Amino acid sequence: MKRLSRVLVTTPFPREALQVLRPYCSQLKVWKNHLTLTRQQLFKEVKGADGLLCLLTDEIDERLMVATPRLKVIANCAVGFDNVDVAAATRHGIMVTNTPGVLTDAAADLTWALLMAVARRIPEADRFLRAGKYKEWEVYLMLGAPVYGRTIGIVGSGRVGAAVALRAMGFQMEVLYTDTFANTRIEKEAGAKRVSLHSLLRKSDFVCIHVPYDKSTYHLIGRRELALMKPSAILINTARGEIVDEKALIQALKSRRIAGAGLDVYEHEPRVPASLNRLANVVLLPHIGSATLETRTKMAVLAAENLVAGLGGRVPPNLVNPEVLAMHK
């Protein structure tokens, strides 16, 4: 590919990813601010670009595509791509890519970190001690929930969900999962049993959400689903905030309909409701599922490789709208 492509990167990216891009770009613009571009800034900066390397916080809709007629590839640096209007991109002949696989272990590790933190009340105990409230050892001080030998329910057995299920083997847990398709690997290696969502919710001590977000999974976990869970159960969401009805969850936590929750994502991110923030039985994280230096670097490099492949006339390794290829023949 000749150095003819103009590319916009919407955030300061790791050096390794920019090194992938530079040899192929006649113009490489990198937004220097870590804060998300405003709509006005994005429209201005992307003008004339052939390629766009963006984040899940960037809204890439049809209006932007129409305003950027040269655009050929949108490389999203995330597994999910609900921030991109893929159908519109396909209509305009634009390839859309994502970065699956490289963040599986980091996301699975964080799921377990949240599960353990909520079950054993780690942040709450930390705050208790730092506030000078720890005076002596007590039999009933900070009693939490056991993890070993309990039942974990995996909602969505894709890469991350499967990795979470396999880690449960170390805790001798019964593994239940629900998915459209059977996952024979976790069935064989972790003894996982495929059940309905309602059965999983009724039987699980820990419910971990790992489905992708789309119209079919919007509020997949709502008031009725939360009512099916054990009063002692804990909900973990490291997927997308919109999958859980946040208002229903807050009510379930307030009323102790469920014991607790661990959240890395929110329905109206980055806004976190004050009523959720005040609850002691929930652990809140700022969307750090893939936040290790190694993982974020791999994601950035993969996004750059996807972009270079698409601009070079090749099929990107992680193309999410393959039907667009017919328009490039």
Protein backbone atom coordinates (compact mmCIF):
# COMPACT_ATOMS: atom_id res chain seq x y z
CA MET A 1 0.00 0.00 0.00
CA LYS A 2 1.36 3.40 -0.95
CA ARG A 3 1.55 6.25 1.56
CA LEU A 4 -1.64 7.81 0.28
CA SER A 5 -4.02 7.22 3.17
CA ARG A 6 -5.21 9.84 5.60
CA VAL A 7 -5.98 8.44 9.03
CA LEU A 8 -7.49 9.88 12.21
CA VAL A 9 -6.79 8.24 15.57
CA THR A 10 -9.24 9.59 18.15
CA THR A 11 -7.03 9.22 21.25
CA PRO A 12 -3.32 9.16 22.18
CA PHE A 13 -2.43 5.63 21.16
CA PRO A 14 0.47 3.36 22.21
CA ARG A 15 3.64 3.94 20.21
CA GLU A 16 3.58 0.34 18.93
CA ALA A 17 0.23 0.91 17.19
CA LEU A 18 1.27 4.20 15.64
CA GLN A 19 4.40 2.51 14.26
CA VAL A 20 2.12 0.08 12.42
CA LEU A 21 0.21 2.98 10.85
CA ARG A 22 2.93 5.49 9.95
CA PRO A 23 4.49 3.68 6.96
CA TYR A 24 1.13 3.68 5.18
CA CYS A 25 -0.15 7.16 5.96
CA SER A 26 0.42 10.33 4.01
CA GLN A 27 -1.29 12.07 6.92
CA LEU A 28 -1.67 10.61 10.41
CA LYS A 29 -3.63 12.75 12.87
CA VAL A 30 -3.68 11.64 16.49
CA TRP A 31 -6.01 13.41 18.90
CA LYS A 32 -3.77 14.45 21.80
CA ASN A 33 -6.45 14.72 24.50
CA HIS A 34 -7.47 11.63 26.45
CA LEU A 35 -11.01 12.97 26.73
CA THR A 36 -13.46 11.88 24.02
CA LEU A 37 -13.82 14.27 21.09
CA THR A 38 -17.05 16.21 21.02
CA ARG A 39 -19.29 15.62 18.00
CA GLN A 40 -18.14 18.93 16.53
CA GLN A 41 -14.48 18.08 17.06
CA LEU A 42 -14.89 14.60 15.58
CA PHE A 43 -16.60 15.90 12.43
CA LYS A 44 -13.86 18.49 12.00
CA GLU A 45 -10.90 16.17 12.60
CA VAL A 46 -12.16 13.25 10.48
CA LYS A 47 -12.79 15.42 7.43
CA GLY A 48 -10.95 13.99 4.41
CA ALA A 49 -9.91 10.80 6.21
CA ASP A 50 -9.68 7.40 4.51
CA GLY A 51 -9.40 5.54 7.78
CA LEU A 52 -10.67 6.07 11.31
CA LEU A 53 -9.26 4.37 14.39
CA CYS A 54 -11.74 5.00 17.19
CA LEU A 55 -12.84 3.96 20.66
CA LEU A 56 -16.14 2.63 21.99
CA THR A 57 -16.78 6.11 23.40
CA ASP A 58 -16.84 7.61 19.88
CA GLU A 59 -20.29 7.68 18.28
CA ILE A 60 -19.84 6.78 14.62
CA ASP A 61 -23.20 7.22 12.90
CA GLU A 62 -24.44 7.67 9.35
CA ARG A 63 -24.26 11.47 9.55
CA LEU A 64 -20.52 11.23 10.08
CA MET A 65 -20.15 8.72 7.24
CA VAL A 66 -22.04 10.97 4.83
CA ALA A 67 -19.84 13.90 5.89
CA THR A 68 -16.69 11.81 5.28
CA PRO A 69 -17.14 10.35 1.76
CA ARG A 70 -13.52 9.16 1.51
CA LEU A 71 -13.88 6.92 4.57
CA LYS A 72 -13.10 3.27 3.77
CA VAL A 73 -12.35 1.64 7.13
CA ILE A 74 -13.55 2.18 10.69
CA ALA A 75 -11.29 0.30 13.11
CA ASN A 76 -12.92 0.14 16.54
CA CYS A 77 -10.47 -0.50 19.38
CA ALA A 78 -12.85 -2.70 21.37
CA VAL A 79 -14.55 -6.07 21.14
CA GLY A 80 -17.99 -4.49 21.12
CA PHE A 81 -18.96 -2.20 18.26
CA ASP A 82 -22.38 -0.92 19.32
CA ASN A 83 -20.98 2.63 19.05
CA VAL A 84 -20.77 2.18 15.26
CA ASP A 85 -23.80 2.07 12.96
CA VAL A 86 -22.59 -1.05 11.15
CA ALA A 87 -25.63 -1.26 8.87
CA ALA A 88 -25.02 2.30 7.68
CA ALA A 89 -21.32 1.58 7.21
CA THR A 90 -22.18 -1.41 5.03
CA ARG A 91 -24.54 0.70 2.90
CA HIS A 92 -21.73 3.19 2.35
CA GLY A 93 -19.17 0.49 1.55
CA ILE A 94 -17.16 1.06 4.73
CA MET A 95 -15.42 -1.82 6.47
CA VAL A 96 -15.85 -2.03 10.26
CA THR A 97 -13.45 -3.99 12.44
CA ASN A 98 -13.04 -4.80 16.13
CA THR A 99 -10.41 -6.31 18.44
CA PRO A 100 -11.58 -9.66 19.82
CA GLY A 101 -9.43 -12.28 21.50
CA VAL A 102 -6.60 -10.14 22.83
CA LEU A 103 -8.54 -8.91 25.87
CA THR A 104 -10.13 -12.21 26.86
CA ASP A 105 -7.87 -13.01 29.80
CA ALA A 106 -7.81 -9.46 31.17
CA ALA A 107 -11.61 -9.25 31.09
CA ALA A 108 -12.01 -12.69 32.65
CA ASP A 109 -9.52 -11.83 35.40
CA LEU A 110 -11.40 -8.63 36.19
CA THR A 111 -14.69 -10.52 36.38
CA TRP A 112 -13.17 -12.73 39.03
CA ALA A 113 -11.64 -9.75 40.83
CA LEU A 114 -15.10 -8.17 41.06
CA LEU A 115 -16.70 -11.44 42.12
CA MET A 116 -14.21 -11.91 44.96
CA ALA A 117 -14.35 -8.23 45.96
CA VAL A 118 -18.13 -8.29 46.33
CA ALA A 119 -18.31 -11.74 47.93
CA ARG A 120 -15.72 -10.94 50.60
CA ARG A 121 -16.62 -7.24 50.92
CA ILE A 122 -13.04 -6.17 50.15
CA PRO A 123 -13.60 -2.46 49.28
CA GLU A 124 -16.03 -2.08 52.18
CA ALA A 125 -13.53 -3.61 54.61
CA ASP A 126 -10.75 -1.43 53.23
CA ARG A 127 -12.82 1.73 53.80
CA PHE A 128 -13.74 0.50 57.30
CA LEU A 129 -10.11 0.10 58.30
CA ARG A 130 -8.91 3.37 56.72
CA ALA A 131 -11.65 5.24 58.58
CA GLY A 132 -10.17 4.08 61.88
CA LYS A 133 -13.16 1.89 62.74
CA TYR A 134 -11.20 -1.34 63.22
CA LYS A 135 -10.76 -1.65 66.97
CA GLU A 136 -10.47 -5.39 67.50
CA TRP A 137 -11.16 -8.74 65.89
CA GLU A 138 -14.84 -9.67 66.02
CA VAL A 139 -16.66 -12.89 65.15
CA TYR A 140 -19.24 -11.09 63.03
CA LEU A 141 -17.02 -8.41 61.50
CA MET A 142 -17.39 -8.05 57.71
CA LEU A 143 -18.93 -11.47 57.12
CA GLY A 144 -19.00 -12.21 53.40
CA ALA A 145 -20.16 -14.94 51.05
CA PRO A 146 -18.26 -18.17 50.35
CA VAL A 147 -17.02 -18.78 46.81
CA TYR A 148 -15.45 -22.24 46.86
CA GLY A 149 -17.85 -25.00 45.85
CA ARG A 150 -20.70 -22.65 44.98
CA THR A 151 -22.58 -22.33 41.67
CA ILE A 152 -21.60 -19.79 39.03
CA GLY A 153 -23.90 -18.87 36.15
CA ILE A 154 -22.35 -17.59 32.92
CA VAL A 155 -24.69 -15.57 30.70
CA GLY A 156 -22.99 -15.81 27.31
CA SER A 157 -20.26 -18.41 26.70
CA GLY A 158 -18.14 -16.57 24.14
CA ARG A 159 -14.43 -15.97 24.64
CA VAL A 160 -14.68 -14.09 27.93
CA GLY A 161 -17.56 -16.12 29.32
CA ALA A 162 -15.72 -19.35 28.55
CA ALA A 163 -12.53 -18.04 30.19
CA VAL A 164 -14.51 -17.14 33.32
CA ALA A 165 -16.06 -20.62 33.36
CA LEU A 166 -12.67 -22.33 33.07
CA ARG A 167 -11.29 -20.27 35.96
CA ALA A 168 -14.17 -21.56 38.11
CA MET A 169 -12.56 -25.00 38.03
CA GLY A 170 -9.99 -23.77 40.56
CA PHE A 171 -12.81 -23.10 43.02
CA GLN A 172 -14.50 -26.45 42.42
CA MET A 173 -17.67 -24.64 41.38
CA GLU A 174 -20.69 -25.98 39.57
CA VAL A 175 -20.79 -24.12 36.26
CA LEU A 176 -24.08 -23.29 34.55
CA TYR A 177 -24.26 -21.31 31.34
CA THR A 178 -26.86 -20.03 28.92
CA ASP A 179 -26.24 -19.32 25.26
CA THR A 180 -27.84 -19.77 21.86
CA PHE A 181 -25.21 -22.39 21.00
CA ALA A 182 -23.57 -25.08 23.08
CA ASN A 183 -19.96 -24.55 24.17
CA THR A 184 -18.50 -28.04 24.13
CA ARG A 185 -15.14 -26.89 25.48
CA ILE A 186 -16.45 -25.66 28.82
CA GLU A 187 -18.83 -28.60 29.01
CA LYS A 188 -15.90 -31.00 28.63
CA GLU A 189 -13.25 -29.16 30.65
CA ALA A 190 -15.31 -27.46 33.36
CA GLY A 191 -18.31 -29.78 33.46
CA ALA A 192 -20.52 -26.85 32.53
CA LYS A 193 -24.23 -27.44 32.00
CA ARG A 194 -26.23 -25.47 29.46
CA VAL A 195 -29.55 -24.30 30.91
CA SER A 196 -32.20 -21.65 30.27
CA LEU A 197 -31.62 -18.12 31.53
CA HIS A 198 -34.39 -18.46 34.10
CA SER A 199 -32.98 -21.75 35.42
CA LEU A 200 -29.51 -20.22 35.65
CA LEU A 201 -30.81 -17.21 37.60
CA ARG A 202 -32.71 -19.38 40.07
CA LYS A 203 -29.82 -21.76 40.79
CA SER A 204 -26.68 -19.58 40.68
CA ASP A 205 -24.88 -18.00 43.61
CA PHE A 206 -22.97 -15.78 41.21
CA VAL A 207 -24.35 -14.55 37.88
CA CYS A 208 -21.77 -13.16 35.42
CA ILE A 209 -22.84 -11.35 32.27
CA HIS A 210 -20.80 -11.83 29.09
CA VAL A 211 -23.22 -11.41 26.18
CA PRO A 212 -22.60 -8.74 23.52
CA TYR A 213 -24.90 -5.76 23.55
CA ASP A 214 -27.50 -5.34 20.81
CA LYS A 215 -31.25 -4.83 20.59
CA SER A 216 -31.90 -8.41 21.67
CA THR A 217 -29.90 -8.08 24.90
CA TYR A 218 -31.14 -4.63 25.96
CA HIS A 219 -32.33 -5.00 29.58
CA LEU A 220 -31.85 -8.76 29.36
CA ILE A 221 -31.59 -8.60 33.13
CA GLY A 222 -34.54 -6.62 34.44
CA ARG A 223 -36.94 -6.63 37.38
CA ARG A 224 -38.40 -10.06 36.59
CA GLU A 225 -34.98 -11.65 36.09
CA LEU A 226 -33.57 -10.14 39.29
CA ALA A 227 -36.62 -11.46 41.17
CA LEU A 228 -35.66 -14.99 40.11
CA MET A 229 -32.22 -14.78 41.73
CA LYS A 230 -31.43 -16.05 45.22
CA PRO A 231 -31.48 -13.39 47.96
CA SER A 232 -27.87 -14.42 48.62
CA ALA A 233 -26.83 -14.13 44.94
CA ILE A 234 -24.34 -11.67 43.47
CA LEU A 235 -24.55 -10.15 39.97
CA ILE A 236 -21.38 -9.29 38.03
CA ASN A 237 -21.48 -7.21 34.81
CA THR A 238 -18.31 -6.57 32.81
CA ALA A 239 -20.02 -6.61 29.40
CA ARG A 240 -22.19 -3.55 28.65
CA GLY A 241 -24.27 -1.49 31.02
CA GLU A 242 -27.38 -1.49 28.85
CA ILE A 243 -27.78 -5.25 29.32
CA VAL A 244 -28.97 -4.63 32.88
CA ASP A 245 -31.95 -2.45 33.79
CA GLU A 246 -30.04 -0.15 36.12
CA LYS A 247 -33.11 1.18 37.93
CA ALA A 248 -34.33 -2.36 38.62
CA LEU A 249 -30.87 -3.36 39.84
CA ILE A 250 -30.66 -0.41 42.23
CA GLN A 251 -34.04 -1.35 43.70
CA ALA A 252 -32.99 -5.00 44.05
CA LEU A 253 -29.81 -3.96 45.86
CA LYS A 254 -31.57 -1.46 48.10
CA SER A 255 -34.22 -3.98 49.14
CA ARG A 256 -31.61 -6.74 49.48
CA ARG A 257 -33.57 -8.77 46.93
CA ILE A 258 -30.08 -9.83 45.87
CA ALA A 259 -27.02 -9.67 48.10
CA GLY A 260 -24.74 -7.58 45.95
CA ALA A 261 -23.33 -6.62 42.57
CA GLY A 262 -20.01 -5.86 40.92
CA LEU A 263 -20.15 -3.47 37.97
CA ASP A 264 -17.53 -2.33 35.48
CA VAL A 265 -20.08 -0.86 33.05
CA TYR A 266 -23.16 1.35 33.33
CA GLU A 267 -26.32 2.02 31.40
CA HIS A 268 -25.55 5.70 30.77
CA GLU A 269 -21.78 5.56 31.00
CA PRO A 270 -19.83 7.42 32.29
CA ARG A 271 -22.69 8.65 34.48
CA VAL A 272 -23.25 6.52 37.57
CA PRO A 273 -26.51 7.18 39.45
CA ALA A 274 -25.95 8.72 42.88
CA SER A 275 -28.31 6.16 44.39
CA LEU A 276 -26.08 3.37 43.08
CA ASN A 277 -22.95 5.10 44.29
CA ARG A 278 -24.33 5.28 47.84
CA LEU A 279 -24.95 1.54 48.16
CA ALA A 280 -22.48 -0.46 50.25
CA ASN A 281 -23.34 -3.82 48.66
CA VAL A 282 -22.04 -2.93 45.19
CA VAL A 283 -18.47 -2.57 43.92
CA LEU A 284 -18.10 0.01 41.14
CA LEU A 285 -15.24 0.21 38.64
CA PRO A 286 -14.63 2.73 35.81
CA HIS A 287 -14.80 0.32 32.82
CA ILE A 288 -11.34 -1.21 33.28
CA GLY A 289 -12.04 -4.73 32.00
CA SER A 290 -9.18 -4.64 29.50
CA ALA A 291 -7.01 -2.25 31.51
CA THR A 292 -3.62 -3.86 31.59
CA LEU A 293 -0.75 -2.26 29.68
CA GLU A 294 -0.12 -5.45 27.73
CA THR A 295 -3.77 -5.90 26.76
CA ARG A 296 -4.44 -2.30 25.77
CA THR A 297 -1.27 -2.29 23.66
CA LYS A 298 -2.32 -5.50 21.90
CA MET A 299 -5.78 -4.05 21.25
CA ALA A 300 -4.30 -0.89 19.75
CA VAL A 301 -1.89 -2.83 17.53
CA LEU A 302 -4.66 -5.15 16.32
CA ALA A 303 -6.90 -2.17 15.53
CA ALA A 304 -4.05 -0.59 13.56
CA GLU A 305 -3.41 -3.85 11.67
CA ASN A 306 -7.11 -4.08 10.80
CA LEU A 307 -7.03 -0.53 9.47
CA VAL A 308 -3.89 -1.04 7.40
CA ALA A 309 -5.28 -4.24 5.88
CA GLY A 310 -8.55 -2.61 4.88
CA LEU A 311 -6.91 0.47 3.40
CA GLY A 312 -4.51 -1.78 1.51
CA GLY A 313 -7.31 -3.63 -0.24
CA ARG A 314 -7.03 -6.75 1.90
CA VAL A 315 -9.67 -8.34 4.11
CA PRO A 316 -9.03 -7.15 7.68
CA PRO A 317 -8.45 -9.97 10.20
CA ASN A 318 -11.44 -8.89 12.30
CA LEU A 319 -14.03 -7.62 9.85
CA VAL A 320 -17.48 -7.47 11.45
CA ASN A 321 -19.45 -6.68 8.27
CA PRO A 322 -18.09 -9.15 5.66
CA GLU A 323 -21.07 -8.44 3.41
CA VAL A 324 -19.38 -5.15 2.55
CA LEU A 325 -16.73 -7.06 0.58
CA ALA A 326 -19.15 -7.55 -2.32
CA MET A 327 -19.15 -3.78 -2.77
CA HIS A 328 -15.35 -3.74 -3.09
CA LYS A 329 -15.13 -6.26 -5.93
